[in-house]
Protein backbone atom coordinates (compact mmCIF):
# COMPACT_ATOMS: atom_id res chain seq x y z
CA MET A 1 -20.79 -145.69 8.75
CA SER A 2 -18.38 -145.64 5.81
CA GLU A 3 -18.93 -143.86 2.53
CA THR A 4 -17.12 -146.69 0.75
CA SER A 5 -19.87 -149.16 1.63
CA THR A 6 -22.91 -146.88 1.84
CA ALA A 7 -24.48 -144.81 -0.93
CA PRO A 8 -25.13 -141.12 -0.18
CA VAL A 9 -28.67 -140.38 0.92
CA VAL A 10 -28.43 -137.06 -0.88
CA GLU A 11 -25.96 -135.91 -3.54
CA MET A 12 -25.76 -132.53 -5.23
CA ARG A 13 -23.62 -132.49 -8.37
CA ASP A 14 -22.16 -129.37 -10.02
CA ILE A 15 -24.83 -127.00 -8.69
CA SER A 16 -24.72 -123.44 -10.05
CA ILE A 17 -27.02 -120.55 -9.11
CA SER A 18 -26.75 -116.90 -10.16
CA PHE A 19 -28.54 -113.78 -8.97
CA PRO A 20 -28.33 -110.39 -10.71
CA GLY A 21 -24.66 -109.45 -10.55
CA VAL A 22 -23.75 -112.34 -8.23
CA LYS A 23 -22.56 -115.91 -8.89
CA ALA A 24 -23.90 -117.47 -5.67
CA LEU A 25 -22.83 -121.06 -6.42
CA ASP A 26 -20.32 -122.14 -9.05
CA SER A 27 -20.39 -125.89 -9.87
CA VAL A 28 -20.61 -126.95 -6.22
CA SER A 29 -20.89 -130.64 -5.35
CA PHE A 30 -22.03 -131.91 -1.97
CA ARG A 31 -23.04 -135.24 -0.45
CA MET A 32 -24.42 -136.66 2.79
CA PHE A 33 -24.53 -140.24 4.04
CA PRO A 34 -27.14 -141.95 6.25
CA GLY A 35 -26.38 -141.77 9.96
CA GLU A 36 -23.81 -138.99 9.82
CA VAL A 37 -23.61 -135.39 10.99
CA HIS A 38 -22.20 -133.20 8.26
CA SER A 39 -21.20 -129.53 8.77
CA LEU A 40 -21.26 -126.96 6.00
CA MET A 41 -18.55 -124.38 6.68
CA GLY A 42 -17.60 -121.03 5.17
CA GLU A 43 -17.79 -117.28 5.56
CA ASN A 44 -21.10 -115.45 5.32
CA GLY A 45 -21.64 -115.05 1.61
CA ALA A 46 -19.73 -118.26 0.87
CA GLY A 47 -22.89 -119.92 -0.46
CA LYS A 48 -23.99 -122.09 2.48
CA SER A 49 -27.55 -120.75 2.71
CA THR A 50 -27.90 -120.76 -1.07
CA LEU A 51 -26.87 -124.43 -1.23
CA ILE A 52 -29.39 -125.29 1.49
CA LYS A 53 -32.15 -123.38 -0.29
CA ALA A 54 -31.30 -125.16 -3.53
CA LEU A 55 -31.68 -128.51 -1.78
CA THR A 56 -35.00 -127.50 -0.21
CA GLY A 57 -36.49 -125.99 -3.37
CA VAL A 58 -36.47 -122.36 -2.24
CA TYR A 59 -34.11 -121.44 -5.10
CA PRO A 60 -34.23 -123.05 -8.55
CA ILE A 61 -30.85 -124.23 -9.81
CA ASP A 62 -29.36 -122.96 -13.06
CA SER A 63 -27.44 -126.18 -13.71
CA GLY A 64 -26.51 -129.41 -11.97
CA THR A 65 -28.46 -132.32 -10.50
CA ILE A 66 -29.76 -133.38 -7.09
CA VAL A 67 -30.21 -137.05 -6.17
CA LEU A 68 -32.11 -138.21 -3.06
CA ALA A 69 -31.98 -141.90 -2.05
CA GLY A 70 -30.75 -142.81 -5.52
CA GLU A 71 -33.54 -140.96 -7.38
CA PRO A 72 -33.35 -137.58 -9.17
CA LEU A 73 -34.95 -134.87 -7.06
CA SER A 74 -36.79 -131.85 -8.41
CA VAL A 75 -38.80 -129.78 -5.95
CA ASN A 76 -40.57 -126.45 -6.32
CA GLY A 77 -40.59 -125.43 -2.69
CA PRO A 78 -40.01 -126.41 0.94
CA ALA A 79 -43.35 -128.25 1.17
CA GLN A 80 -42.36 -130.64 -1.62
CA ALA A 81 -38.90 -131.05 -0.09
CA GLN A 82 -40.52 -131.90 3.24
CA ASP A 83 -42.75 -134.47 1.54
CA ALA A 84 -39.62 -135.98 -0.03
CA GLY A 85 -38.01 -136.36 3.41
CA ILE A 86 -35.96 -133.15 3.77
CA SER A 87 -36.76 -131.11 6.88
CA THR A 88 -35.16 -127.75 7.68
CA VAL A 89 -34.76 -125.46 10.67
CA TYR A 90 -33.37 -122.08 9.61
CA GLN A 91 -31.13 -119.76 11.64
CA GLU A 92 -33.88 -117.20 12.30
CA VAL A 93 -36.86 -118.65 14.13
CA ASN A 94 -39.68 -118.79 11.59
CA LEU A 95 -42.75 -119.76 13.59
CA LEU A 96 -46.13 -118.17 14.30
CA SER A 97 -45.84 -116.47 17.68
CA ASN A 98 -49.60 -115.87 17.91
CA LEU A 99 -50.28 -119.62 17.96
CA SER A 100 -49.66 -122.15 20.70
CA VAL A 101 -46.58 -124.34 21.00
CA ALA A 102 -48.63 -127.38 19.94
CA GLU A 103 -50.12 -125.60 16.94
CA ASN A 104 -46.64 -124.59 15.75
CA ILE A 105 -45.26 -128.12 16.11
CA MET A 106 -48.20 -129.79 14.37
CA LEU A 107 -49.18 -127.06 11.88
CA GLY A 108 -50.43 -128.69 8.70
CA ARG A 109 -50.28 -132.17 10.25
CA GLU A 110 -52.90 -131.89 12.97
CA PRO A 111 -54.75 -135.11 13.87
CA ARG A 112 -58.36 -134.96 12.71
CA ARG A 113 -61.60 -136.51 13.84
CA PHE A 114 -64.78 -136.38 11.76
CA GLY A 115 -63.02 -133.89 9.48
CA LEU A 116 -62.16 -131.48 12.31
CA ILE A 117 -58.89 -130.89 14.12
CA ASP A 118 -58.64 -133.04 17.24
CA TRP A 119 -57.08 -130.49 19.58
CA SER A 120 -56.61 -132.96 22.40
CA ALA A 121 -54.68 -135.35 20.15
CA THR A 122 -52.71 -132.42 18.70
CA ARG A 123 -51.56 -131.32 22.14
CA GLN A 124 -50.82 -134.92 23.14
CA ARG A 125 -48.62 -135.49 20.09
CA ALA A 126 -46.83 -132.17 20.65
CA ALA A 127 -46.23 -133.12 24.29
CA GLU A 128 -44.62 -136.38 23.17
CA VAL A 129 -42.29 -134.55 20.79
CA LEU A 130 -41.34 -132.02 23.48
CA ALA A 131 -40.74 -134.82 25.97
CA GLY A 132 -38.25 -136.30 23.52
CA LEU A 133 -36.31 -133.02 23.81
CA ASN A 134 -36.72 -132.92 27.59
CA LEU A 135 -38.64 -129.65 27.27
CA ASP A 136 -41.02 -129.22 30.18
CA ILE A 137 -43.40 -126.63 28.73
CA ASP A 138 -47.15 -126.55 28.25
CA PRO A 139 -48.04 -127.42 24.63
CA ALA A 140 -51.14 -125.22 24.97
CA SER A 141 -49.12 -122.15 25.98
CA PRO A 142 -48.69 -119.28 23.46
CA LEU A 143 -45.36 -119.45 21.65
CA SER A 144 -44.94 -115.70 22.25
CA SER A 145 -44.77 -116.30 26.00
CA HIS A 146 -41.47 -118.17 25.66
CA SER A 147 -37.89 -116.98 25.20
CA LEU A 148 -36.11 -116.96 21.86
CA ALA A 149 -34.14 -120.02 22.97
CA VAL A 150 -37.29 -122.05 23.69
CA GLN A 151 -38.82 -120.92 20.39
CA GLN A 152 -35.72 -122.25 18.62
CA LEU A 153 -36.18 -125.62 20.31
CA VAL A 154 -39.85 -125.65 19.33
CA ALA A 155 -38.78 -125.13 15.71
CA ILE A 156 -36.42 -128.08 16.02
CA ALA A 157 -39.17 -130.17 17.64
CA ARG A 158 -41.42 -129.41 14.68
CA ALA A 159 -38.68 -130.46 12.25
CA ILE A 160 -37.84 -133.77 13.93
CA ASP A 161 -41.52 -134.75 14.17
CA ILE A 162 -41.44 -135.21 10.40
CA ARG A 163 -40.00 -138.58 9.39
CA ALA A 164 -37.03 -137.06 7.62
CA LYS A 165 -34.24 -138.76 5.69
CA VAL A 166 -32.30 -135.47 5.86
CA LEU A 167 -32.53 -132.95 8.71
CA ILE A 168 -31.00 -129.53 8.06
CA LEU A 169 -30.14 -127.43 11.13
CA ASP A 170 -29.02 -123.92 10.12
CA GLU A 171 -27.37 -122.31 13.17
CA PRO A 172 -29.67 -124.20 15.60
CA THR A 173 -27.61 -123.35 18.69
CA SER A 174 -27.24 -119.60 18.16
CA SER A 175 -29.82 -118.84 20.88
CA LEU A 176 -29.19 -121.80 23.19
CA ASP A 177 -27.22 -121.98 26.42
CA ALA A 178 -24.77 -124.77 27.21
CA ASP A 179 -27.36 -127.09 28.79
CA GLU A 180 -29.74 -126.64 25.85
CA VAL A 181 -26.92 -127.31 23.38
CA ALA A 182 -26.05 -130.51 25.23
CA GLU A 183 -29.69 -131.60 25.07
CA LEU A 184 -29.89 -130.80 21.37
CA PHE A 185 -26.73 -132.81 20.72
CA ARG A 186 -28.27 -135.76 22.57
CA VAL A 187 -31.23 -135.59 20.18
CA ILE A 188 -28.93 -135.26 17.16
CA ARG A 189 -27.00 -138.36 18.20
CA ARG A 190 -30.23 -140.30 18.67
CA LEU A 191 -31.42 -139.32 15.18
CA LYS A 192 -28.00 -140.19 13.80
CA ASP A 193 -28.30 -143.68 15.33
CA ASP A 194 -31.68 -143.97 13.59
CA GLY A 195 -29.96 -143.40 10.23
CA VAL A 196 -30.97 -139.78 9.65
CA ALA A 197 -28.45 -137.66 7.75
CA ILE A 198 -28.06 -134.37 9.62
CA LEU A 199 -26.64 -131.19 8.11
CA PHE A 200 -25.37 -129.06 10.99
CA VAL A 201 -24.47 -125.47 10.06
CA SER A 202 -22.75 -123.50 12.81
CA HIS A 203 -20.02 -120.90 13.30
CA PHE A 204 -19.13 -122.34 16.71
CA LEU A 205 -16.05 -124.38 15.90
CA ASP A 206 -16.10 -126.17 19.26
CA GLN A 207 -19.61 -127.43 18.53
CA VAL A 208 -18.72 -128.47 14.99
CA TYR A 209 -15.75 -130.50 16.21
CA GLU A 210 -17.88 -132.05 18.95
CA ILE A 211 -20.80 -133.21 16.83
CA ALA A 212 -19.78 -133.40 13.15
CA ASP A 213 -18.36 -136.46 11.38
CA ARG A 214 -17.55 -134.63 8.16
CA LEU A 215 -17.07 -131.07 6.87
CA THR A 216 -17.64 -129.42 3.52
CA VAL A 217 -16.02 -126.01 3.07
CA LEU A 218 -17.29 -123.34 0.65
CA ARG A 219 -15.66 -120.03 -0.20
CA ASN A 220 -17.02 -117.33 -2.51
CA GLY A 221 -19.63 -119.69 -3.93
CA ALA A 222 -17.12 -122.43 -4.80
CA LEU A 223 -16.25 -125.78 -3.24
CA VAL A 224 -12.96 -125.81 -1.31
CA GLY A 225 -13.15 -129.42 -0.19
CA GLU A 226 -14.71 -132.18 1.91
CA TYR A 227 -12.88 -133.46 5.00
CA ARG A 228 -13.26 -135.86 7.90
CA THR A 229 -13.53 -133.68 11.01
CA GLU A 230 -10.92 -135.71 12.87
CA GLU A 231 -8.43 -135.22 10.03
CA ILE A 232 -8.38 -131.42 9.73
CA LEU A 233 -6.89 -129.05 12.32
CA ARG A 234 -8.95 -126.06 13.38
CA ILE A 235 -6.41 -123.49 12.21
CA GLU A 236 -6.28 -125.26 8.83
CA LEU A 237 -10.09 -125.19 8.64
CA VAL A 238 -10.19 -121.45 9.37
CA HIS A 239 -7.56 -120.84 6.71
CA LYS A 240 -9.62 -122.75 4.14
CA MET A 241 -12.78 -120.86 5.12
CA ILE A 242 -11.41 -117.33 4.91
CA GLY A 243 -8.65 -117.90 2.36
CA LYS A 244 -6.09 -116.06 4.43
CA ASP A 245 -4.12 -116.51 7.60
CA ILE A 246 -5.67 -116.15 11.01
CA GLU A 247 -3.16 -113.35 11.67
CA LEU A 248 -5.99 -110.81 11.41
CA LEU A 249 -7.55 -112.10 14.63
CA GLU A 250 -4.16 -112.37 16.32
CA ARG A 251 -3.26 -108.76 15.42
CA LEU A 252 -6.64 -107.57 16.66
CA GLU A 253 -6.20 -109.40 19.97
CA THR A 254 -2.71 -107.95 20.46
CA ARG A 255 -3.89 -104.42 19.72
CA SER A 256 -7.04 -104.66 21.84
CA LYS A 257 -5.11 -105.92 24.84
CA SER A 258 -2.72 -102.99 24.50
CA LEU A 259 -5.51 -100.42 24.74
CA ASP A 260 -5.34 -98.52 28.02
CA SER A 261 -8.65 -97.87 29.75
CA THR A 262 -7.03 -96.20 32.72
CA ASP A 263 -6.55 -92.89 30.90
CA SER A 264 -10.12 -91.87 31.71
CA ALA A 265 -10.24 -93.44 35.16
CA GLY A 266 -10.37 -90.06 36.91
CA SER A 267 -12.97 -88.50 34.62
CA ALA A 268 -16.73 -88.63 34.97
CA PRO A 269 -18.31 -91.52 33.02
CA TYR A 270 -20.27 -90.74 29.88
CA LEU A 271 -23.11 -92.94 31.14
CA ALA A 272 -23.70 -94.00 34.73
CA ALA A 273 -26.55 -96.29 35.74
CA HIS A 274 -27.23 -96.46 39.47
CA GLU A 275 -29.36 -99.34 40.76
CA ILE A 276 -31.60 -99.47 37.68
CA GLY A 277 -33.90 -102.48 37.70
CA ARG A 278 -37.24 -103.85 36.61
CA LYS A 279 -39.37 -106.39 38.45
CA GLY A 280 -39.31 -109.78 36.77
CA SER A 281 -36.54 -108.66 34.42
CA ILE A 282 -33.36 -107.67 36.29
CA GLU A 283 -32.39 -106.80 39.85
CA PRO A 284 -31.13 -103.25 40.60
CA THR A 285 -27.81 -102.90 38.80
CA SER A 286 -25.15 -100.20 38.55
CA LEU A 287 -22.79 -99.71 35.62
CA ALA A 288 -20.51 -96.85 34.56
CA ILE A 289 -19.11 -96.41 31.03
CA GLN A 290 -16.25 -94.04 30.24
CA GLN A 291 -15.76 -92.23 26.95
CA GLY A 292 -13.84 -94.43 24.52
CA GLU A 293 -14.26 -97.50 26.69
CA VAL A 294 -15.46 -100.94 25.58
CA VAL A 295 -17.38 -102.61 28.40
CA GLY A 296 -18.08 -106.29 27.83
CA LEU A 297 -21.12 -107.96 29.37
CA ALA A 298 -20.45 -111.64 30.01
CA GLY A 299 -22.89 -114.29 31.20
CA LEU A 300 -25.06 -117.16 30.10
CA LEU A 301 -28.26 -116.83 28.13
CA GLY A 302 -30.88 -115.38 30.49
CA SER A 303 -28.30 -113.95 32.89
CA GLY A 304 -29.57 -110.39 32.45
CA ARG A 305 -27.20 -109.07 29.77
CA THR A 306 -29.92 -108.17 27.27
CA GLU A 307 -32.28 -106.96 30.00
CA LEU A 308 -29.64 -104.49 31.21
CA ALA A 309 -29.01 -103.25 27.67
CA ARG A 310 -32.73 -102.66 27.15
CA LEU A 311 -32.98 -100.62 30.36
CA LEU A 312 -29.99 -98.49 29.38
CA THR A 313 -31.61 -97.59 26.06
CA GLY A 314 -35.31 -97.24 26.94
CA ALA A 315 -36.35 -100.39 25.08
CA ASP A 316 -37.72 -101.38 28.51
CA ARG A 317 -38.47 -98.80 31.21
CA ALA A 318 -36.56 -99.01 34.47
CA GLU A 319 -38.74 -99.12 37.59
CA THR A 320 -35.90 -98.32 40.00
CA GLY A 321 -32.68 -96.32 39.99
CA THR A 322 -31.31 -93.41 38.01
CA LEU A 323 -29.48 -92.90 34.73
CA THR A 324 -26.97 -90.13 34.16
CA VAL A 325 -25.75 -89.23 30.65
CA ALA A 326 -22.93 -86.70 30.15
CA GLY A 327 -23.51 -85.40 33.67
CA SER A 328 -27.29 -84.92 33.39
CA GLN A 329 -29.93 -87.24 34.81
CA ARG A 330 -32.14 -88.80 32.12
CA ARG A 331 -35.13 -91.10 31.90
CA PHE A 332 -35.55 -92.78 28.52
CA ARG A 333 -39.07 -93.82 27.58
CA SER A 334 -38.05 -95.33 24.23
CA PRO A 335 -34.96 -96.15 22.15
CA ARG A 336 -35.73 -93.05 20.09
CA ALA A 337 -35.36 -90.91 23.21
CA ALA A 338 -31.99 -92.55 23.86
CA LEU A 339 -31.00 -91.92 20.26
CA LYS A 340 -31.63 -88.20 20.79
CA ARG A 341 -28.80 -88.41 23.36
CA ARG A 342 -26.66 -90.31 20.84
CA ILE A 343 -27.09 -93.70 22.48
CA ALA A 344 -27.79 -96.42 19.90
CA TYR A 345 -28.90 -99.98 20.59
CA SER A 346 -28.47 -102.88 18.17
CA SER A 347 -30.74 -105.73 19.31
CA GLU A 348 -29.71 -109.39 19.37
CA ASP A 349 -32.82 -110.21 17.32
CA ARG A 350 -31.81 -108.68 14.02
CA LYS A 351 -34.73 -110.35 12.21
CA ARG A 352 -37.56 -108.81 14.25
CA GLU A 353 -35.91 -105.72 15.77
CA GLY A 354 -33.26 -104.90 13.19
CA ILE A 355 -33.33 -105.27 9.45
CA VAL A 356 -36.41 -104.52 7.36
CA ASP A 357 -36.52 -107.35 4.84
CA ASP A 358 -38.44 -105.56 2.11
CA LEU A 359 -36.18 -102.48 2.03
CA THR A 360 -32.92 -102.04 0.16
CA VAL A 361 -29.49 -101.90 1.75
CA ARG A 362 -29.52 -98.11 1.27
CA ASP A 363 -32.91 -97.65 2.94
CA ASN A 364 -31.92 -99.86 5.87
CA ILE A 365 -28.71 -97.88 6.41
CA VAL A 366 -30.41 -94.46 6.50
CA LEU A 367 -33.49 -95.61 8.45
CA ALA A 368 -32.38 -94.49 11.94
CA LEU A 369 -30.95 -91.21 10.67
CA GLN A 370 -34.18 -90.41 8.86
CA SER A 371 -36.19 -91.25 11.99
CA ASP A 372 -33.93 -88.97 14.03
CA ARG A 373 -34.47 -86.09 11.57
CA GLY A 374 -38.21 -86.65 11.39
CA TRP A 375 -40.20 -87.88 8.41
CA PHE A 376 -41.08 -84.33 7.29
CA ARG A 377 -37.35 -83.62 6.68
CA PRO A 378 -36.38 -86.29 4.15
CA ILE A 379 -32.68 -86.92 3.63
CA PRO A 380 -31.72 -85.73 0.12
CA LYS A 381 -31.15 -88.56 -2.35
CA ARG A 382 -27.55 -87.53 -2.97
CA ARG A 383 -26.81 -87.69 0.76
CA ARG A 384 -28.52 -91.09 1.07
CA ASP A 385 -26.42 -92.42 -1.81
CA GLU A 386 -23.22 -91.03 -0.24
CA LEU A 387 -24.00 -92.62 3.13
CA ALA A 388 -24.85 -96.00 1.64
CA THR A 389 -21.81 -96.08 -0.64
CA SER A 390 -19.38 -95.03 2.08
CA TYR A 391 -20.59 -97.58 4.64
CA ILE A 392 -20.84 -100.39 2.09
CA SER A 393 -17.19 -99.72 1.28
CA ALA A 394 -16.02 -99.15 4.87
CA LEU A 395 -17.67 -102.29 6.26
CA GLY A 396 -17.15 -104.52 3.23
CA ILE A 397 -20.87 -105.23 2.73
CA ARG A 398 -21.41 -107.83 0.00
CA PRO A 399 -22.76 -107.54 -2.60
CA ALA A 400 -21.70 -103.88 -2.85
CA ASP A 401 -25.08 -102.86 -4.25
CA PRO A 402 -27.12 -100.25 -2.33
CA ASP A 403 -30.23 -101.28 -4.27
CA ALA A 404 -30.03 -104.94 -3.21
CA LEU A 405 -32.88 -106.11 -0.98
CA VAL A 406 -31.42 -106.73 2.46
CA ARG A 407 -33.31 -110.02 2.80
CA ASN A 408 -31.10 -111.47 0.05
CA LEU A 409 -27.89 -110.79 2.01
CA SER A 410 -26.16 -113.33 4.21
CA GLY A 411 -26.50 -113.06 7.99
CA GLY A 412 -23.07 -111.48 8.40
CA ASN A 413 -23.74 -108.86 5.76
CA GLN A 414 -27.15 -108.08 7.29
CA GLN A 415 -25.33 -107.49 10.58
CA LYS A 416 -22.95 -105.09 8.85
CA VAL A 417 -25.93 -103.19 7.41
CA LEU A 418 -27.29 -102.82 10.95
CA LEU A 419 -23.95 -101.51 12.18
CA ALA A 420 -23.89 -99.03 9.30
CA ARG A 421 -27.36 -97.83 10.31
CA TRP A 422 -26.27 -97.00 13.84
CA LEU A 423 -22.91 -95.54 12.83
CA ALA A 424 -24.75 -93.19 10.44
CA VAL A 425 -26.33 -91.38 13.42
CA ALA A 426 -22.85 -90.76 14.92
CA PRO A 427 -23.58 -92.22 18.39
CA ARG A 428 -21.44 -91.49 21.42
CA LEU A 429 -22.44 -94.79 23.00
CA LEU A 430 -23.15 -97.90 20.92
CA ILE A 431 -24.69 -100.93 22.62
CA LEU A 432 -24.18 -104.11 20.59
CA ASP A 433 -26.09 -107.21 21.68
CA GLU A 434 -24.59 -110.35 20.09
CA PRO A 435 -23.35 -108.51 16.96
CA THR A 436 -21.32 -111.53 15.79
CA ARG A 437 -23.77 -114.32 16.58
CA GLY A 438 -24.23 -116.68 13.68
CA ILE A 439 -21.58 -115.13 11.43
CA ASP A 440 -18.29 -116.48 10.19
CA VAL A 441 -14.76 -116.05 11.48
CA GLY A 442 -13.77 -113.48 8.85
CA ALA A 443 -16.83 -111.28 9.41
CA LYS A 444 -16.34 -111.55 13.18
CA ALA A 445 -12.79 -110.28 12.83
CA GLU A 446 -13.97 -107.34 10.74
CA ILE A 447 -16.67 -106.37 13.25
CA GLN A 448 -14.29 -106.78 16.18
CA ARG A 449 -11.72 -104.59 14.41
CA LEU A 450 -14.43 -101.97 13.81
CA VAL A 451 -15.35 -101.94 17.51
CA ALA A 452 -11.69 -101.44 18.47
CA ASN A 453 -11.38 -98.59 15.96
CA LEU A 454 -14.52 -96.87 17.25
CA ALA A 455 -13.21 -97.00 20.82
CA GLU A 456 -9.88 -95.55 19.71
CA GLU A 457 -11.78 -92.66 18.13
CA GLY A 458 -13.59 -91.96 21.40
CA MET A 459 -16.87 -93.82 21.04
CA SER A 460 -18.09 -95.80 24.06
CA VAL A 461 -19.25 -99.35 23.38
CA VAL A 462 -21.14 -101.95 25.38
CA PHE A 463 -20.36 -105.32 23.82
CA ILE A 464 -22.52 -108.34 24.66
CA SER A 465 -21.47 -111.80 23.49
CA ALA A 466 -21.90 -115.40 24.59
CA GLU A 467 -18.35 -116.06 23.37
CA LEU A 468 -16.11 -115.21 26.32
CA GLU A 469 -12.94 -115.17 24.21
CA GLU A 470 -14.53 -112.43 22.11
CA VAL A 471 -15.52 -110.40 25.18
CA LEU A 472 -12.00 -110.60 26.59
CA ARG A 473 -10.38 -109.83 23.25
CA LEU A 474 -12.25 -106.54 22.85
CA SER A 475 -13.14 -105.18 26.28
CA HIS A 476 -11.28 -102.74 28.49
CA ARG A 477 -13.58 -103.73 31.32
CA VAL A 478 -15.85 -106.72 31.90
CA ALA A 479 -19.09 -106.91 33.88
CA VAL A 480 -20.29 -110.43 34.65
CA MET A 481 -24.02 -111.15 34.90
CA ARG A 482 -25.66 -114.13 36.56
CA ASP A 483 -29.25 -114.81 37.59
CA ARG A 484 -30.40 -111.34 36.43
CA ARG A 485 -27.85 -109.42 38.53
CA LYS A 486 -24.29 -108.16 38.16
CA VAL A 487 -21.87 -110.31 40.14
CA ALA A 488 -18.53 -108.76 39.12
CA ASP A 489 -17.05 -105.72 37.37
CA PHE A 490 -13.30 -105.41 36.74
CA VAL A 491 -10.57 -104.08 34.45
CA ASN A 492 -9.61 -106.59 31.76
CA GLU A 493 -5.92 -107.16 32.40
CA ASP A 494 -4.65 -110.74 32.22
CA VAL A 495 -8.14 -112.07 32.93
CA THR A 496 -8.74 -115.61 31.65
CA VAL A 497 -11.79 -117.34 30.27
CA GLY A 498 -11.54 -119.80 33.16
CA GLU A 499 -11.86 -117.00 35.70
CA ILE A 500 -14.93 -115.62 33.94
CA MET A 501 -16.45 -119.09 33.78
CA THR A 502 -15.87 -119.54 37.50
CA LEU A 503 -17.71 -116.31 38.20
CA ILE A 504 -20.60 -117.35 35.98
CA ALA A 505 -20.81 -120.81 37.52
CA SER A 506 -20.39 -119.85 41.18
CA GLY A 507 -23.31 -121.09 43.19
CA SER A 508 -23.38 -118.51 45.99
CA GLU A 509 -22.63 -114.87 46.66
CA ASP A 510 -19.69 -115.89 48.89
CA ASP A 511 -18.12 -117.85 46.03
CA THR A 512 -18.66 -114.94 43.65
CA ASP A 513 -17.09 -112.43 46.03
CA ALA A 514 -14.03 -114.64 46.51
CA VAL A 515 -13.48 -115.18 42.77
CA ALA A 516 -14.12 -111.51 41.95
CA THR A 517 -11.54 -110.47 44.55
CA THR A 518 -9.01 -112.83 42.96
CA VAL A 519 -9.73 -111.52 39.46
CA GLY A 520 -9.53 -107.94 40.65
CA ALA A 521 -6.18 -108.62 42.29
CA GLY A 522 -4.92 -110.19 39.09
CA ALA A 523 -6.11 -107.18 37.14
């Protein structure tokens, strides 16, 4: 495919959109060609989601034009955009968990017979779509019975079942493991061969460089440029995205690696879990966390990282083992009970277990603190304003408006609001499950720097991330999970990503023991 010989399937010209106090897009132009994968790159808040929502009719445009297949396009919502041939899968799974897999895939397009839904044909068609993704799941099964990763694939299956000219995938791999990503890329390449234009939005640079033909970079609501992927170096791309050198990440890595976790080696851990487990969730596991220590949990999706975090904080109840906090044995029956002991848990699912869409930034920040105080002891308005203003400033939340509805913020800024909420309760142990998933390089650096600062000030942190480089950059100690059990636990000194990957991929306990011994010796 060459843009010199093929007309764009979609072209957005000089698009501008403003919200109260914010210029979200400023004369941005964007184009996609048939049979290409195009990545939209930029920091959170750069305007990527706004541009997508303008194309799909979620947001009206203030000025500019949109052309689809050579014809002017004007849509008043996603349904009209879908009818025009534009199908979208957003970053946060937006399906109906109370319905079946088949009902979610075929919703609104169910085959009918004599005016009634033909459920047999509906399930058959859904099975065919799932088979195209190599997903071996029962179309009649409830969506709620499946993992977040499978739900994401169901959302993609629903999108590709529509005969789309343009398929928009907004962070489609954020909840997928390596095998699922490979399968998704196979489907993307097949659709590309069929002439579909695919907009692939991701913060995983490796994935972008693997799948994308072309990149468009936005920064602060403005167009930076359009580039062939093969013609722009990664470090140059990062520089264009964040508008500054990558030295911030390099300084953070240098400082984090210099942190010494051996100072507290002889002291009692702040939290010690001994053989805690839950049938069907995670095998009995032990983990100790020192004051001021960052412990990274590494492993693939489904390895047991999140399950361990939920047992440590009472989100799920342990059926075996004991938990000791500050020298006293505890049994948490809920996250609120853990919060009473100054242990805060930030879930990986910020949409359902984190932010409250209809509340303001201020209300979201003070939510946990108000719950801890009790609803009959309201936080004074002046104190709420002080807390919101200080954390908005300290974390660089954009826009810097405490009255803004949190649903209107970018993913990275929503994540910062969640961090502000937990920091407001002054925890002694903060458990962060995928705090940088789906956010840009600049926001990642800011959150990573915050974690390092908190540890320096004496806070303990459990840091869970699918990005092994991130785990190694931040952690004093790393625990590796595989198949719902801990397979290694060692001090992070000169440990490489390759060594962690070997531990994760080892096929037997003997292999794991051998690699762990080697890593421990190197540490």
